[in-house]
């Protein structure tokens, strides 16, 4: 297995850090903790202020990931940054609706649409 290999694939596009999950299942607590630490480090040490999380690869998601996303969202807001999400599978989007997180996060159907929404703030 990957061991301590990153669970995230990142690149920068027009000043926005785009993050993708490398696995289709984000359910292992150790991996989720690692993902949370990597995302926090990008903001704390990397100076990231605008982040887009593309979830197109994700088919299964632990509720613990939602907690990490909420923490990341708050951290970015505190640093006058933005977090947007895109490409969420219908089955996962239902969880966002049930928990009303679809009202907390800016969620877009495509990466292009989400990227176009950055920069206004």
PDB file of N, CA and C in Angstrom:
ATOM      1  N   UNK A   1       0.834  -1.200   0.000  1.00  0.00           N
ATOM      2  CA  UNK A   1       0.000   0.000   0.000  1.00  0.00           C
ATOM      3  C   UNK A   1       0.873   1.256   0.000  1.00  0.00           C
ATOM      4  N   UNK A   2       0.205   2.403   0.058  1.00  0.00           N
ATOM      5  CA  UNK A   2       0.919   3.669  -0.069  1.00  0.00           C
ATOM      6  C   UNK A   2       1.623   4.097   1.206  1.00  0.00           C
ATOM      7  N   UNK A   3       1.224   3.564   2.342  1.00  0.00           N
ATOM      8  CA  UNK A   3       1.843   3.964   3.597  1.00  0.00           C
ATOM      9  C   UNK A   3       1.554   5.415   3.903  1.00  0.00           C
ATOM     10  N   UNK A   4       2.611   6.235   4.002  1.00  0.00           N
ATOM     11  CA  UNK A   4       2.441   7.649   4.319  1.00  0.00           C
ATOM     12  C   UNK A   4       2.327   8.514   3.084  1.00  0.00           C
ATOM     13  N   UNK A   5       2.125   7.929   1.938  1.00  0.00           N
ATOM     14  CA  UNK A   5       1.984   8.711   0.718  1.00  0.00           C
ATOM     15  C   UNK A   5       0.770   9.622   0.841  1.00  0.00           C
ATOM     16  N   UNK A   6       0.856  10.755   0.188  1.00  0.00           N
ATOM     17  CA  UNK A   6      -0.228  11.717   0.252  1.00  0.00           C
ATOM     18  C   UNK A   6      -1.519  11.131  -0.314  1.00  0.00           C
ATOM     19  N   UNK A   7      -2.617  11.457   0.335  1.00  0.00           N
ATOM     20  CA  UNK A   7      -3.942  11.062  -0.133  1.00  0.00           C
ATOM     21  C   UNK A   7      -4.524  12.132  -1.053  1.00  0.00           C
ATOM     22  N   UNK A   8      -3.754  13.204  -1.251  1.00  0.00           N
ATOM     23  CA  UNK A   8      -4.228  14.352  -2.010  1.00  0.00           C
ATOM     24  C   UNK A   8      -3.362  14.611  -3.225  1.00  0.00           C
ATOM     25  N   UNK A   9      -3.996  15.068  -4.278  1.00  0.00           N
ATOM     26  CA  UNK A   9      -3.301  15.500  -5.487  1.00  0.00           C
ATOM     27  C   UNK A   9      -3.613  16.987  -5.617  1.00  0.00           C
ATOM     28  N   UNK A  10      -2.586  17.813  -5.670  1.00  0.00           N
ATOM     29  CA  UNK A  10      -2.825  19.253  -5.727  1.00  0.00           C
ATOM     30  C   UNK A  10      -2.145  19.873  -6.937  1.00  0.00           C
ATOM     31  N   UNK A  11      -2.750  20.925  -7.419  1.00  0.00           N
ATOM     32  CA  UNK A  11      -2.114  21.763  -8.423  1.00  0.00           C
ATOM     33  C   UNK A  11      -2.689  23.166  -8.274  1.00  0.00           C
ATOM     34  N   UNK A  12      -2.034  24.122  -8.872  1.00  0.00           N
ATOM     35  CA  UNK A  12      -2.508  25.496  -8.781  1.00  0.00           C
ATOM     36  C   UNK A  12      -2.989  25.946 -10.142  1.00  0.00           C
ATOM     37  N   UNK A  13      -4.114  26.626 -10.137  1.00  0.00           N
ATOM     38  CA  UNK A  13      -4.680  27.135 -11.375  1.00  0.00           C
ATOM     39  C   UNK A  13      -5.210  28.544 -11.121  1.00  0.00           C
ATOM     40  N   UNK A  14      -4.627  29.523 -11.778  1.00  0.00           N
ATOM     41  CA  UNK A  14      -5.052  30.922 -11.643  1.00  0.00           C
ATOM     42  C   UNK A  14      -5.103  31.378 -10.189  1.00  0.00           C
ATOM     43  N   UNK A  15      -4.102  30.993  -9.404  1.00  0.00           N
ATOM     44  CA  UNK A  15      -4.026  31.422  -8.015  1.00  0.00           C
ATOM     45  C   UNK A  15      -4.889  30.631  -7.054  1.00  0.00           C
ATOM     46  N   UNK A  16      -5.569  29.616  -7.552  1.00  0.00           N
ATOM     47  CA  UNK A  16      -6.421  28.764  -6.706  1.00  0.00           C
ATOM     48  C   UNK A  16      -5.742  27.408  -6.566  1.00  0.00           C
ATOM     49  N   UNK A  17      -5.631  26.923  -5.349  1.00  0.00           N
ATOM     50  CA  UNK A  17      -5.099  25.589  -5.117  1.00  0.00           C
ATOM     51  C   UNK A  17      -6.228  24.590  -5.308  1.00  0.00           C
ATOM     52  N   UNK A  18      -6.066  23.717  -6.299  1.00  0.00           N
ATOM     53  CA  UNK A  18      -7.076  22.690  -6.592  1.00  0.00           C
ATOM     54  C   UNK A  18      -6.612  21.386  -5.958  1.00  0.00           C
ATOM     55  N   UNK A  19      -7.477  20.796  -5.144  1.00  0.00           N
ATOM     56  CA  UNK A  19      -7.152  19.582  -4.403  1.00  0.00           C
ATOM     57  C   UNK A  19      -8.098  18.469  -4.846  1.00  0.00           C
ATOM     58  N   UNK A  20      -7.508  17.305  -5.125  1.00  0.00           N
ATOM     59  CA  UNK A  20      -8.296  16.114  -5.454  1.00  0.00           C
ATOM     60  C   UNK A  20      -7.894  14.995  -4.504  1.00  0.00           C
ATOM     61  N   UNK A  21      -8.830  14.106  -4.213  1.00  0.00           N
ATOM     62  CA  UNK A  21      -8.522  12.928  -3.420  1.00  0.00           C
ATOM     63  C   UNK A  21      -7.990  11.854  -4.349  1.00  0.00           C
ATOM     64  N   UNK A  22      -6.943  11.167  -3.939  1.00  0.00           N
ATOM     65  CA  UNK A  22      -6.338  10.136  -4.784  1.00  0.00           C
ATOM     66  C   UNK A  22      -7.106   8.818  -4.719  1.00  0.00           C
ATOM     67  N   UNK A  23      -7.947   8.662  -3.705  1.00  0.00           N
ATOM     68  CA  UNK A  23      -8.679   7.410  -3.520  1.00  0.00           C
ATOM     69  C   UNK A  23     -10.175   7.636  -3.706  1.00  0.00           C
ATOM     70  N   UNK A  24     -10.883   6.592  -4.128  1.00  0.00           N
ATOM     71  CA  UNK A  24     -12.338   6.698  -4.295  1.00  0.00           C
ATOM     72  C   UNK A  24     -13.069   6.534  -2.967  1.00  0.00           C
ATOM     73  N   UNK A  25     -12.386   5.931  -1.977  1.00  0.00           N
ATOM     74  CA  UNK A  25     -12.974   5.742  -0.654  1.00  0.00           C
ATOM     75  C   UNK A  25     -12.163   6.531   0.363  1.00  0.00           C
ATOM     76  N   UNK A  26     -12.807   7.491   0.993  1.00  0.00           N
ATOM     77  CA  UNK A  26     -12.145   8.283   2.027  1.00  0.00           C
ATOM     78  C   UNK A  26     -12.862   7.963   3.328  1.00  0.00           C
ATOM     79  N   UNK A  27     -12.490   6.790   3.886  1.00  0.00           N
ATOM     80  CA  UNK A  27     -13.212   6.304   5.066  1.00  0.00           C
ATOM     81  C   UNK A  27     -12.295   5.867   6.209  1.00  0.00           C
ATOM     82  N   UNK A  28     -11.016   5.667   5.941  1.00  0.00           N
ATOM     83  CA  UNK A  28     -10.073   5.224   6.969  1.00  0.00           C
ATOM     84  C   UNK A  28      -9.669   6.414   7.842  1.00  0.00           C
ATOM     85  N   UNK A  29      -9.848   6.277   9.151  1.00  0.00           N
ATOM     86  CA  UNK A  29      -9.606   7.398  10.060  1.00  0.00           C
ATOM     87  C   UNK A  29      -8.165   7.913   9.989  1.00  0.00           C
ATOM     88  N   UNK A  30      -7.206   7.024   9.846  1.00  0.00           N
ATOM     89  CA  UNK A  30      -5.802   7.452   9.764  1.00  0.00           C
ATOM     90  C   UNK A  30      -5.588   8.308   8.513  1.00  0.00           C
ATOM     91  N   UNK A  31      -6.151   7.868   7.385  1.00  0.00           N
ATOM     92  CA  UNK A  31      -6.025   8.648   6.153  1.00  0.00           C
ATOM     93  C   UNK A  31      -6.741   9.989   6.272  1.00  0.00           C
ATOM     94  N   UNK A  32      -7.898   9.995   6.910  1.00  0.00           N
ATOM     95  CA  UNK A  32      -8.649  11.242   7.085  1.00  0.00           C
ATOM     96  C   UNK A  32      -7.860  12.221   7.940  1.00  0.00           C
ATOM     97  N   UNK A  33      -7.234  11.721   9.002  1.00  0.00           N
ATOM     98  CA  UNK A  33      -6.393  12.589   9.835  1.00  0.00           C
ATOM     99  C   UNK A  33      -5.224  13.154   9.035  1.00  0.00           C
ATOM    100  N   UNK A  34      -4.627  12.317   8.189  1.00  0.00           N
ATOM    101  CA  UNK A  34      -3.524  12.769   7.338  1.00  0.00           C
ATOM    102  C   UNK A  34      -4.002  13.837   6.360  1.00  0.00           C
ATOM    103  N   UNK A  35      -5.172  13.606   5.759  1.00  0.00           N
ATOM    104  CA  UNK A  35      -5.744  14.579   4.827  1.00  0.00           C
ATOM    105  C   UNK A  35      -5.977  15.910   5.532  1.00  0.00           C
ATOM    106  N   UNK A  36      -6.559  15.853   6.726  1.00  0.00           N
ATOM    107  CA  UNK A  36      -6.799  17.069   7.500  1.00  0.00           C
ATOM    108  C   UNK A  36      -5.510  17.813   7.801  1.00  0.00           C
ATOM    109  N   UNK A  37      -4.478  17.069   8.174  1.00  0.00           N
ATOM    110  CA  UNK A  37      -3.181  17.687   8.469  1.00  0.00           C
ATOM    111  C   UNK A  37      -2.581  18.326   7.217  1.00  0.00           C
ATOM    112  N   UNK A  38      -2.680  17.642   6.074  1.00  0.00           N
ATOM    113  CA  UNK A  38      -2.148  18.192   4.828  1.00  0.00           C
ATOM    114  C   UNK A  38      -2.879  19.475   4.424  1.00  0.00           C
ATOM    115  N   UNK A  39      -4.203  19.467   4.548  1.00  0.00           N
ATOM    116  CA  UNK A  39      -4.982  20.655   4.192  1.00  0.00           C
ATOM    117  C   UNK A  39      -4.656  21.815   5.124  1.00  0.00           C
ATOM    118  N   UNK A  40      -4.559  21.536   6.431  1.00  0.00           N
ATOM    119  CA  UNK A  40      -4.203  22.583   7.400  1.00  0.00           C
ATOM    120  C   UNK A  40      -2.833  23.163   7.090  1.00  0.00           C
ATOM    121  N   UNK A  41      -1.889  22.292   6.751  1.00  0.00           N
ATOM    122  CA  UNK A  41      -0.531  22.754   6.458  1.00  0.00           C
ATOM    123  C   UNK A  41      -0.504  23.659   5.228  1.00  0.00           C
ATOM    124  N   UNK A  42      -1.329  23.340   4.233  1.00  0.00           N
ATOM    125  CA  UNK A  42      -1.382  24.183   3.034  1.00  0.00           C
ATOM    126  C   UNK A  42      -1.790  25.607   3.399  1.00  0.00           C
ATOM    127  N   UNK A  43      -2.724  25.727   4.341  1.00  0.00           N
ATOM    128  CA  UNK A  43      -3.200  27.041   4.747  1.00  0.00           C
ATOM    129  C   UNK A  43      -2.213  27.694   5.709  1.00  0.00           C
ATOM    130  N   UNK A  44      -1.783  26.938   6.733  1.00  0.00           N
ATOM    131  CA  UNK A  44      -0.928  27.507   7.777  1.00  0.00           C
ATOM    132  C   UNK A  44       0.486  27.828   7.286  1.00  0.00           C
ATOM    133  N   UNK A  45       1.101  26.881   6.587  1.00  0.00           N
ATOM    134  CA  UNK A  45       2.498  27.059   6.171  1.00  0.00           C
ATOM    135  C   UNK A  45       2.634  27.433   4.709  1.00  0.00           C
ATOM    136  N   UNK A  46       1.670  27.005   3.902  1.00  0.00           N
ATOM    137  CA  UNK A  46       1.755  27.277   2.469  1.00  0.00           C
ATOM    138  C   UNK A  46       1.122  28.587   2.052  1.00  0.00           C
ATOM    139  N   UNK A  47       0.401  29.211   2.966  1.00  0.00           N
ATOM    140  CA  UNK A  47      -0.210  30.497   2.659  1.00  0.00           C
ATOM    141  C   UNK A  47      -1.368  30.424   1.675  1.00  0.00           C
ATOM    142  N   UNK A  48      -1.960  29.248   1.523  1.00  0.00           N
ATOM    143  CA  UNK A  48      -3.077  29.090   0.597  1.00  0.00           C
ATOM    144  C   UNK A  48      -4.278  29.871   1.128  1.00  0.00           C
ATOM    145  N   UNK A  49      -4.899  30.680   0.272  1.00  0.00           N
ATOM    146  CA  UNK A  49      -6.089  31.436   0.660  1.00  0.00           C
ATOM    147  C   UNK A  49      -7.309  31.045  -0.160  1.00  0.00           C
ATOM    148  N   UNK A  50      -7.089  30.542  -1.359  1.00  0.00           N
ATOM    149  CA  UNK A  50      -8.198  30.134  -2.206  1.00  0.00           C
ATOM    150  C   UNK A  50      -8.020  28.665  -2.557  1.00  0.00           C
ATOM    151  N   UNK A  51      -9.006  27.849  -2.160  1.00  0.00           N
ATOM    152  CA  UNK A  51      -8.887  26.410  -2.355  1.00  0.00           C
ATOM    153  C   UNK A  51     -10.171  25.853  -2.942  1.00  0.00           C
ATOM    154  N   UNK A  52      -9.988  24.982  -3.915  1.00  0.00           N
ATOM    155  CA  UNK A  52     -11.097  24.260  -4.523  1.00  0.00           C
ATOM    156  C   UNK A  52     -10.856  22.778  -4.301  1.00  0.00           C
ATOM    157  N   UNK A  53     -11.814  22.105  -3.687  1.00  0.00           N
ATOM    158  CA  UNK A  53     -11.705  20.666  -3.500  1.00  0.00           C
ATOM    159  C   UNK A  53     -12.602  19.996  -4.537  1.00  0.00           C
ATOM    160  N   UNK A  54     -11.946  19.295  -5.459  1.00  0.00           N
ATOM    161  CA  UNK A  54     -12.635  18.569  -6.517  1.00  0.00           C
ATOM    162  C   UNK A  54     -12.824  17.137  -6.034  1.00  0.00           C
ATOM    163  N   UNK A  55     -14.080  16.731  -5.898  1.00  0.00           N
ATOM    164  CA  UNK A  55     -14.385  15.422  -5.320  1.00  0.00           C
ATOM    165  C   UNK A  55     -14.827  14.410  -6.375  1.00  0.00           C
ATOM    166  N   UNK A  56     -14.416  14.624  -7.620  1.00  0.00           N
ATOM    167  CA  UNK A  56     -14.888  13.757  -8.701  1.00  0.00           C
ATOM    168  C   UNK A  56     -14.487  12.295  -8.526  1.00  0.00           C
ATOM    169  N   UNK A  57     -13.377  12.001  -7.870  1.00  0.00           N
ATOM    170  CA  UNK A  57     -12.937  10.618  -7.678  1.00  0.00           C
ATOM    171  C   UNK A  57     -13.637   9.916  -6.520  1.00  0.00           C
ATOM    172  N   UNK A  58     -14.236  10.675  -5.615  1.00  0.00           N
ATOM    173  CA  UNK A  58     -14.743  10.118  -4.355  1.00  0.00           C
ATOM    174  C   UNK A  58     -16.122   9.478  -4.550  1.00  0.00           C
ATOM    175  N   UNK A  59     -16.220   8.231  -4.122  1.00  0.00           N
ATOM    176  CA  UNK A  59     -17.498   7.503  -4.171  1.00  0.00           C
ATOM    177  C   UNK A  59     -18.014   7.185  -2.771  1.00  0.00           C
ATOM    178  N   UNK A  60     -17.116   7.073  -1.797  1.00  0.00           N
ATOM    179  CA  UNK A  60     -17.479   6.796  -0.403  1.00  0.00           C
ATOM    180  C   UNK A  60     -16.741   7.782   0.476  1.00  0.00           C
ATOM    181  N   UNK A  61     -17.472   8.342   1.448  1.00  0.00           N
ATOM    182  CA  UNK A  61     -16.905   9.408   2.267  1.00  0.00           C
ATOM    183  C   UNK A  61     -17.351   9.216   3.709  1.00  0.00           C
ATOM    184  N   UNK A  62     -16.407   9.226   4.629  1.00  0.00           N
ATOM    185  CA  UNK A  62     -16.728   9.149   6.045  1.00  0.00           C
ATOM    186  C   UNK A  62     -17.230  10.506   6.530  1.00  0.00           C
ATOM    187  N   UNK A  63     -18.092  10.483   7.525  1.00  0.00           N
ATOM    188  CA  UNK A  63     -18.576  11.751   8.088  1.00  0.00           C
ATOM    189  C   UNK A  63     -17.439  12.542   8.722  1.00  0.00           C
ATOM    190  N   UNK A  64     -16.368  11.870   9.086  1.00  0.00           N
ATOM    191  CA  UNK A  64     -15.212  12.568   9.659  1.00  0.00           C
ATOM    192  C   UNK A  64     -14.610  13.547   8.650  1.00  0.00           C
ATOM    193  N   UNK A  65     -14.732  13.238   7.374  1.00  0.00           N
ATOM    194  CA  UNK A  65     -14.226  14.145   6.334  1.00  0.00           C
ATOM    195  C   UNK A  65     -15.012  15.452   6.363  1.00  0.00           C
ATOM    196  N   UNK A  66     -16.305  15.353   6.614  1.00  0.00           N
ATOM    197  CA  UNK A  66     -17.121  16.568   6.694  1.00  0.00           C
ATOM    198  C   UNK A  66     -16.612  17.488   7.794  1.00  0.00           C
ATOM    199  N   UNK A  67     -16.231  16.899   8.916  1.00  0.00           N
ATOM    200  CA  UNK A  67     -15.660  17.687  10.006  1.00  0.00           C
ATOM    201  C   UNK A  67     -14.377  18.383   9.592  1.00  0.00           C
ATOM    202  N   UNK A  68     -13.531  17.678   8.848  1.00  0.00           N
ATOM    203  CA  UNK A  68     -12.276  18.273   8.360  1.00  0.00           C
ATOM    204  C   UNK A  68     -12.566  19.426   7.404  1.00  0.00           C
ATOM    205  N   UNK A  69     -13.573  19.241   6.536  1.00  0.00           N
ATOM    206  CA  UNK A  69     -13.927  20.303   5.592  1.00  0.00           C
ATOM    207  C   UNK A  69     -14.482  21.533   6.307  1.00  0.00           C
ATOM    208  N   UNK A  70     -15.291  21.311   7.351  1.00  0.00           N
ATOM    209  CA  UNK A  70     -15.827  22.432   8.122  1.00  0.00           C
ATOM    210  C   UNK A  70     -14.689  23.199   8.796  1.00  0.00           C
ATOM    211  N   UNK A  71     -13.754  22.476   9.398  1.00  0.00           N
ATOM    212  CA  UNK A  71     -12.603  23.129  10.046  1.00  0.00           C
ATOM    213  C   UNK A  71     -11.782  23.918   9.040  1.00  0.00           C
ATOM    214  N   UNK A  72     -11.558  23.321   7.885  1.00  0.00           N
ATOM    215  CA  UNK A  72     -10.794  23.991   6.830  1.00  0.00           C
ATOM    216  C   UNK A  72     -11.522  25.247   6.367  1.00  0.00           C
ATOM    217  N   UNK A  73     -12.825  25.147   6.187  1.00  0.00           N
ATOM    218  CA  UNK A  73     -13.637  26.287   5.766  1.00  0.00           C
ATOM    219  C   UNK A  73     -13.487  27.442   6.759  1.00  0.00           C
ATOM    220  N   UNK A  74     -13.606  27.138   8.060  1.00  0.00           N
ATOM    221  CA  UNK A  74     -13.479  28.164   9.099  1.00  0.00           C
ATOM    222  C   UNK A  74     -12.085  28.779   9.099  1.00  0.00           C
ATOM    223  N   UNK A  75     -11.074  27.933   8.937  1.00  0.00           N
ATOM    224  CA  UNK A  75      -9.691  28.418   8.929  1.00  0.00           C
ATOM    225  C   UNK A  75      -9.462  29.376   7.757  1.00  0.00           C
ATOM    226  N   UNK A  76      -9.961  29.006   6.580  1.00  0.00           N
ATOM    227  CA  UNK A  76      -9.804  29.870   5.415  1.00  0.00           C
ATOM    228  C   UNK A  76     -10.566  31.179   5.593  1.00  0.00           C
ATOM    229  N   UNK A  77     -11.777  31.116   6.128  1.00  0.00           N
ATOM    230  CA  UNK A  77     -12.543  32.338   6.363  1.00  0.00           C
ATOM    231  C   UNK A  77     -11.808  33.269   7.317  1.00  0.00           C
ATOM    232  N   UNK A  78     -11.210  32.696   8.350  1.00  0.00           N
ATOM    233  CA  UNK A  78     -10.451  33.484   9.315  1.00  0.00           C
ATOM    234  C   UNK A  78      -9.282  34.192   8.646  1.00  0.00           C
ATOM    235  N   UNK A  79      -8.709  33.554   7.628  1.00  0.00           N
ATOM    236  CA  UNK A  79      -7.575  34.126   6.891  1.00  0.00           C
ATOM    237  C   UNK A  79      -8.030  34.855   5.628  1.00  0.00           C
ATOM    238  N   UNK A  80      -9.280  35.312   5.619  1.00  0.00           N
ATOM    239  CA  UNK A  80      -9.908  35.972   4.470  1.00  0.00           C
ATOM    240  C   UNK A  80      -9.735  35.178   3.182  1.00  0.00           C
ATOM    241  N   UNK A  81      -9.879  33.884   3.305  1.00  0.00           N
ATOM    242  CA  UNK A  81      -9.775  33.010   2.143  1.00  0.00           C
ATOM    243  C   UNK A  81     -11.132  32.437   1.774  1.00  0.00           C
ATOM    244  N   UNK A  82     -11.104  31.556   0.789  1.00  0.00           N
ATOM    245  CA  UNK A  82     -12.336  30.929   0.298  1.00  0.00           C
ATOM    246  C   UNK A  82     -12.106  29.446   0.077  1.00  0.00           C
ATOM    247  N   UNK A  83     -13.142  28.675   0.350  1.00  0.00           N
ATOM    248  CA  UNK A  83     -13.145  27.248   0.033  1.00  0.00           C
ATOM    249  C   UNK A  83     -14.375  26.958  -0.804  1.00  0.00           C
ATOM    250  N   UNK A  84     -14.175  26.287  -1.922  1.00  0.00           N
ATOM    251  CA  UNK A  84     -15.285  25.868  -2.763  1.00  0.00           C
ATOM    252  C   UNK A  84     -15.127  24.373  -3.035  1.00  0.00           C
ATOM    253  N   UNK A  85     -16.237  23.713  -3.303  1.00  0.00           N
ATOM    254  CA  UNK A  85     -16.238  22.282  -3.604  1.00  0.00           C
ATOM    255  C   UNK A  85     -16.873  22.075  -4.968  1.00  0.00           C
ATOM    256  N   UNK A  86     -16.440  21.018  -5.651  1.00  0.00           N
ATOM    257  CA  UNK A  86     -17.064  20.712  -6.943  1.00  0.00           C
ATOM    258  C   UNK A  86     -17.044  19.218  -7.221  1.00  0.00           C
ATOM    259  N   UNK A  87     -17.860  18.839  -8.208  1.00  0.00           N
ATOM    260  CA  UNK A  87     -17.883  17.472  -8.739  1.00  0.00           C
ATOM    261  C   UNK A  87     -18.218  16.426  -7.674  1.00  0.00           C
ATOM    262  N   UNK A  88     -19.220  16.722  -6.865  1.00  0.00           N
ATOM    263  CA  UNK A  88     -19.617  15.801  -5.796  1.00  0.00           C
ATOM    264  C   UNK A  88     -20.641  14.810  -6.354  1.00  0.00           C
ATOM    265  N   UNK A  89     -20.390  13.517  -6.158  1.00  0.00           N
ATOM    266  CA  UNK A  89     -21.322  12.477  -6.600  1.00  0.00           C
ATOM    267  C   UNK A  89     -22.679  12.685  -5.923  1.00  0.00           C
ATOM    268  N   UNK A  90     -23.750  12.339  -6.637  1.00  0.00           N
ATOM    269  CA  UNK A  90     -25.103  12.539  -6.114  1.00  0.00           C
ATOM    270  C   UNK A  90     -25.307  11.902  -4.742  1.00  0.00           C
ATOM    271  N   UNK A  91     -24.795  10.682  -4.565  1.00  0.00           N
ATOM    272  CA  UNK A  91     -24.988   9.981  -3.294  1.00  0.00           C
ATOM    273  C   UNK A  91     -24.298  10.713  -2.141  1.00  0.00           C
ATOM    274  N   UNK A  92     -23.159  11.336  -2.412  1.00  0.00           N
ATOM    275  CA  UNK A  92     -22.449  12.100  -1.375  1.00  0.00           C
ATOM    276  C   UNK A  92     -23.113  13.463  -1.187  1.00  0.00           C
ATOM    277  N   UNK A  93     -23.575  14.058  -2.275  1.00  0.00           N
ATOM    278  CA  UNK A  93     -24.239  15.357  -2.177  1.00  0.00           C
ATOM    279  C   UNK A  93     -25.481  15.269  -1.287  1.00  0.00           C
ATOM    280  N   UNK A  94     -26.156  14.124  -1.307  1.00  0.00           N
ATOM    281  CA  UNK A  94     -27.321  13.923  -0.433  1.00  0.00           C
ATOM    282  C   UNK A  94     -26.953  14.124   1.030  1.00  0.00           C
ATOM    283  N   UNK A  95     -25.764  13.666   1.413  1.00  0.00           N
ATOM    284  CA  UNK A  95     -25.301  13.849   2.795  1.00  0.00           C
ATOM    285  C   UNK A  95     -25.111  15.340   3.088  1.00  0.00           C
ATOM    286  N   UNK A  96     -24.578  16.079   2.126  1.00  0.00           N
ATOM    287  CA  UNK A  96     -24.424  17.525   2.303  1.00  0.00           C
ATOM    288  C   UNK A  96     -25.797  18.180   2.478  1.00  0.00           C
ATOM    289  N   UNK A  97     -26.789  17.723   1.734  1.00  0.00           N
ATOM    290  CA  UNK A  97     -28.141  18.283   1.846  1.00  0.00           C
ATOM    291  C   UNK A  97     -28.778  17.939   3.190  1.00  0.00           C
ATOM    292  N   UNK A  98     -28.669  16.683   3.592  1.00  0.00           N
ATOM    293  CA  UNK A  98     -29.281  16.239   4.850  1.00  0.00           C
ATOM    294  C   UNK A  98     -28.691  16.999   6.039  1.00  0.00           C
ATOM    295  N   UNK A  99     -27.390  17.220   6.009  1.00  0.00           N
ATOM    296  CA  UNK A  99     -26.706  17.914   7.105  1.00  0.00           C
ATOM    297  C   UNK A  99     -26.731  19.433   6.925  1.00  0.00           C
ATOM    298  N   UNK A 100     -27.341  19.878   5.827  1.00  0.00           N
ATOM    299  CA  UNK A 100     -27.430  21.301   5.475  1.00  0.00           C
ATOM    300  C   UNK A 100     -26.079  21.940   5.187  1.00  0.00           C
ATOM    301  N   UNK A 101     -25.087  21.120   4.949  1.00  0.00           N
ATOM    302  CA  UNK A 101     -23.773  21.654   4.592  1.00  0.00           C
ATOM    303  C   UNK A 101     -23.769  22.225   3.180  1.00  0.00           C
ATOM    304  N   UNK A 102     -24.780  21.883   2.402  1.00  0.00           N
ATOM    305  CA  UNK A 102     -24.884  22.489   1.068  1.00  0.00           C
ATOM    306  C   UNK A 102     -25.167  23.985   1.185  1.00  0.00           C
ATOM    307  N   UNK A 103     -25.590  24.425   2.378  1.00  0.00           N
ATOM    308  CA  UNK A 103     -25.816  25.856   2.624  1.00  0.00           C
ATOM    309  C   UNK A 103     -24.569  26.535   3.190  1.00  0.00           C
ATOM    310  N   UNK A 104     -23.640  25.733   3.690  1.00  0.00           N
ATOM    311  CA  UNK A 104     -22.399  26.261   4.267  1.00  0.00           C
ATOM    312  C   UNK A 104     -21.340  26.436   3.182  1.00  0.00           C
ATOM    313  N   UNK A 105     -21.227  25.429   2.329  1.00  0.00           N
ATOM    314  CA  UNK A 105     -20.198  25.423   1.291  1.00  0.00           C
ATOM    315  C   UNK A 105     -20.752  25.913  -0.036  1.00  0.00           C
ATOM    316  N   UNK A 106     -19.886  26.536  -0.817  1.00  0.00           N
ATOM    317  CA  UNK A 106     -20.212  26.873  -2.195  1.00  0.00           C
ATOM    318  C   UNK A 106     -19.857  25.642  -3.024  1.00  0.00           C
ATOM    319  N   UNK A 107     -20.866  25.002  -3.596  1.00  0.00           N
ATOM    320  CA  UNK A 107     -20.678  23.744  -4.314  1.00  0.00           C
ATOM    321  C   UNK A 107     -21.075  23.934  -5.776  1.00  0.00           C
ATOM    322  N   UNK A 108     -20.199  23.478  -6.676  1.00  0.00           N
ATOM    323  CA  UNK A 108     -20.418  23.638  -8.107  1.00  0.00           C
ATOM    324  C   UNK A 108     -20.360  22.290  -8.808  1.00  0.00           C
ATOM    325  N   UNK A 109     -21.036  22.209  -9.951  1.00  0.00           N
ATOM    326  CA  UNK A 109     -21.076  20.967 -10.723  1.00  0.00           C
ATOM    327  C   UNK A 109     -19.740  20.651 -11.383  1.00  0.00           C
ATOM    328  N   UNK A 110     -19.036  21.690 -11.853  1.00  0.00           N
ATOM    329  CA  UNK A 110     -17.783  21.467 -12.577  1.00  0.00           C
ATOM    330  C   UNK A 110     -16.648  22.284 -11.972  1.00  0.00           C
ATOM    331  N   UNK A 111     -15.445  21.833 -12.233  1.00  0.00           N
ATOM    332  CA  UNK A 111     -14.268  22.556 -11.761  1.00  0.00           C
ATOM    333  C   UNK A 111     -14.182  23.922 -12.441  1.00  0.00           C
ATOM    334  N   UNK A 112     -14.492  23.976 -13.723  1.00  0.00           N
ATOM    335  CA  UNK A 112     -14.415  25.234 -14.472  1.00  0.00           C
ATOM    336  C   UNK A 112     -15.358  26.279 -13.882  1.00  0.00           C
ATOM    337  N   UNK A 113     -16.581  25.854 -13.556  1.00  0.00           N
ATOM    338  CA  UNK A 113     -17.561  26.764 -12.977  1.00  0.00           C
ATOM    339  C   UNK A 113     -17.073  27.285 -11.625  1.00  0.00           C
ATOM    340  N   UNK A 114     -16.534  26.394 -10.808  1.00  0.00           N
ATOM    341  CA  UNK A 114     -16.041  26.796  -9.489  1.00  0.00           C
ATOM    342  C   UNK A 114     -14.870  27.760  -9.610  1.00  0.00           C
ATOM    343  N   UNK A 115     -13.928  27.463 -10.498  1.00  0.00           N
ATOM    344  CA  UNK A 115     -12.768  28.341 -10.669  1.00  0.00           C
ATOM    345  C   UNK A 115     -13.194  29.734 -11.119  1.00  0.00           C
ATOM    346  N   UNK A 116     -14.220  29.800 -11.943  1.00  0.00           N
ATOM    347  CA  UNK A 116     -14.705  31.091 -12.439  1.00  0.00           C
ATOM    348  C   UNK A 116     -15.294  31.942 -11.334  1.00  0.00           C
ATOM    349  N   UNK A 117     -15.686  31.322 -10.225  1.00  0.00           N
ATOM    350  CA  UNK A 117     -16.309  32.051  -9.116  1.00  0.00           C
ATOM    351  C   UNK A 117     -15.311  32.604  -8.110  1.00  0.00           C
ATOM    352  N   UNK A 118     -14.038  32.266  -8.253  1.00  0.00           N
ATOM    353  CA  UNK A 118     -13.021  32.832  -7.346  1.00  0.00           C
ATOM    354  C   UNK A 118     -12.637  34.224  -7.833  1.00  0.00           C
ATOM    355  N   UNK A 119     -12.058  34.988  -6.928  1.00  0.00           N
ATOM    356  CA  UNK A 119     -11.473  36.256  -7.313  1.00  0.00           C
ATOM    357  C   UNK A 119     -12.351  37.463  -7.068  1.00  0.00           C
ATOM    358  N   UNK A 120     -13.608  37.246  -6.800  1.00  0.00           N
ATOM    359  CA  UNK A 120     -14.493  38.373  -6.549  1.00  0.00           C
ATOM    360  C   UNK A 120     -14.342  38.927  -5.141  1.00  0.00           C
ATOM    361  N   UNK A 121     -13.719  38.149  -4.275  1.00  0.00           N
ATOM    362  CA  UNK A 121     -13.568  38.590  -2.879  1.00  0.00           C
ATOM    363  C   UNK A 121     -12.118  38.673  -2.505  1.00  0.00           C
TER     364      UNK A 121
END
